[in-house]
Amino acid sequence: MIVLYQGKTIELEKSLTVKQLLNELRLNPLEHLVQVDGKLYTEDRLIKVGSRVVIHRVTSAG
């Protein structure tokens, strides 16, 4: 999978759940949304090798 986050590209050659990916990148799942091939994924969804992943940081301006 190809992961895009904050202008960086990371390539991973294994399938992971969204939760595993965020943990591996040391990102808080409450502060990030994960888009896989154009669709938002929940933490339990499996991301397959070959997918294009974009991680968005969620911010709130109360």
C-alpha atoms as a PDB file:
ATOM      1  CA  MET A   1       0.000   0.000   0.000  1.00  0.00           C
ATOM      2  CA  ILE A   2       1.054   3.556  -0.583  1.00  0.00           C
ATOM      3  CA  VAL A   3       0.358   5.854   2.370  1.00  0.00           C
ATOM      4  CA  LEU A   4       0.248   9.633   1.990  1.00  0.00           C
ATOM      5  CA  TYR A   5       0.453  11.732   5.159  1.00  0.00           C
ATOM      6  CA  GLN A   6       1.564  15.341   5.654  1.00  0.00           C
ATOM      7  CA  GLY A   7       3.319  15.492   2.292  1.00  0.00           C
ATOM      8  CA  LYS A   8       5.215  12.230   2.863  1.00  0.00           C
ATOM      9  CA  THR A   9       4.812   8.965   0.966  1.00  0.00           C
ATOM     10  CA  ILE A  10       5.316   5.656   2.765  1.00  0.00           C
ATOM     11  CA  GLU A  11       5.215   2.271   1.017  1.00  0.00           C
ATOM     12  CA  LEU A  12       4.196  -0.838   2.954  1.00  0.00           C
ATOM     13  CA  GLU A  13       4.176  -4.355   1.500  1.00  0.00           C
ATOM     14  CA  LYS A  14       1.683  -5.903   3.915  1.00  0.00           C
ATOM     15  CA  SER A  15      -2.032  -5.776   4.643  1.00  0.00           C
ATOM     16  CA  LEU A  16      -3.055  -4.023   7.865  1.00  0.00           C
ATOM     17  CA  THR A  17      -6.238  -2.868   9.510  1.00  0.00           C
ATOM     18  CA  VAL A  18      -6.680   0.880   9.839  1.00  0.00           C
ATOM     19  CA  LYS A  19      -6.023   0.570  13.576  1.00  0.00           C
ATOM     20  CA  GLN A  20      -2.779  -1.358  12.984  1.00  0.00           C
ATOM     21  CA  LEU A  21      -1.620   1.206  10.414  1.00  0.00           C
ATOM     22  CA  LEU A  22      -2.268   4.145  12.731  1.00  0.00           C
ATOM     23  CA  ASN A  23      -0.521   2.343  15.598  1.00  0.00           C
ATOM     24  CA  GLU A  24       2.483   1.546  13.393  1.00  0.00           C
ATOM     25  CA  LEU A  25       2.736   5.214  12.408  1.00  0.00           C
ATOM     26  CA  ARG A  26       2.150   6.274  16.037  1.00  0.00           C
ATOM     27  CA  LEU A  27      -0.920   8.319  15.124  1.00  0.00           C
ATOM     28  CA  ASN A  28      -3.910   8.821  17.402  1.00  0.00           C
ATOM     29  CA  PRO A  29      -7.030   7.264  15.802  1.00  0.00           C
ATOM     30  CA  LEU A  30      -9.204   9.949  17.426  1.00  0.00           C
ATOM     31  CA  GLU A  31      -7.294  12.645  15.547  1.00  0.00           C
ATOM     32  CA  HIS A  32      -7.042  11.044  12.096  1.00  0.00           C
ATOM     33  CA  LEU A  33      -9.335   9.843   9.305  1.00  0.00           C
ATOM     34  CA  VAL A  34      -8.150   7.212   6.847  1.00  0.00           C
ATOM     35  CA  GLN A  35      -9.229   7.243   3.222  1.00  0.00           C
ATOM     36  CA  VAL A  36      -8.514   4.109   1.163  1.00  0.00           C
ATOM     37  CA  ASP A  37      -8.929   4.284  -2.610  1.00  0.00           C
ATOM     38  CA  GLY A  38     -11.249   7.273  -2.163  1.00  0.00           C
ATOM     39  CA  LYS A  39     -13.441   5.797   0.599  1.00  0.00           C
ATOM     40  CA  LEU A  40     -13.325   6.479   4.350  1.00  0.00           C
ATOM     41  CA  TYR A  41     -12.452   3.368   6.372  1.00  0.00           C
ATOM     42  CA  THR A  42     -13.219   2.559  10.014  1.00  0.00           C
ATOM     43  CA  GLU A  43     -10.554   1.173  12.369  1.00  0.00           C
ATOM     44  CA  ASP A  44     -11.576  -2.455  11.847  1.00  0.00           C
ATOM     45  CA  ARG A  45     -11.340  -2.421   8.024  1.00  0.00           C
ATOM     46  CA  LEU A  46      -8.467  -4.261   6.339  1.00  0.00           C
ATOM     47  CA  ILE A  47      -6.303  -2.286   3.930  1.00  0.00           C
ATOM     48  CA  LYS A  48      -4.958  -4.536   1.186  1.00  0.00           C
ATOM     49  CA  VAL A  49      -1.549  -4.373  -0.454  1.00  0.00           C
ATOM     50  CA  GLY A  50      -1.751  -2.156  -3.537  1.00  0.00           C
ATOM     51  CA  SER A  51      -4.233   0.284  -1.998  1.00  0.00           C
ATOM     52  CA  ARG A  52      -3.718   4.042  -2.015  1.00  0.00           C
ATOM     53  CA  VAL A  53      -4.161   5.431   1.501  1.00  0.00           C
ATOM     54  CA  VAL A  54      -4.497   9.078   2.497  1.00  0.00           C
ATOM     55  CA  ILE A  55      -4.420   9.967   6.191  1.00  0.00           C
ATOM     56  CA  HIS A  56      -6.148  13.213   7.161  1.00  0.00           C
ATOM     57  CA  ARG A  57      -5.551  14.948  10.479  1.00  0.00           C
ATOM     58  CA  VAL A  58      -8.798  16.135  12.040  1.00  0.00           C
ATOM     59  CA  THR A  59      -8.820  19.576  13.620  1.00  0.00           C
ATOM     60  CA  SER A  60     -11.547  21.449  15.399  1.00  0.00           C
ATOM     61  CA  ALA A  61     -11.829  25.186  15.706  1.00  0.00           C
ATOM     62  CA  GLY A  62     -14.507  25.384  18.378  1.00  0.00           C
END
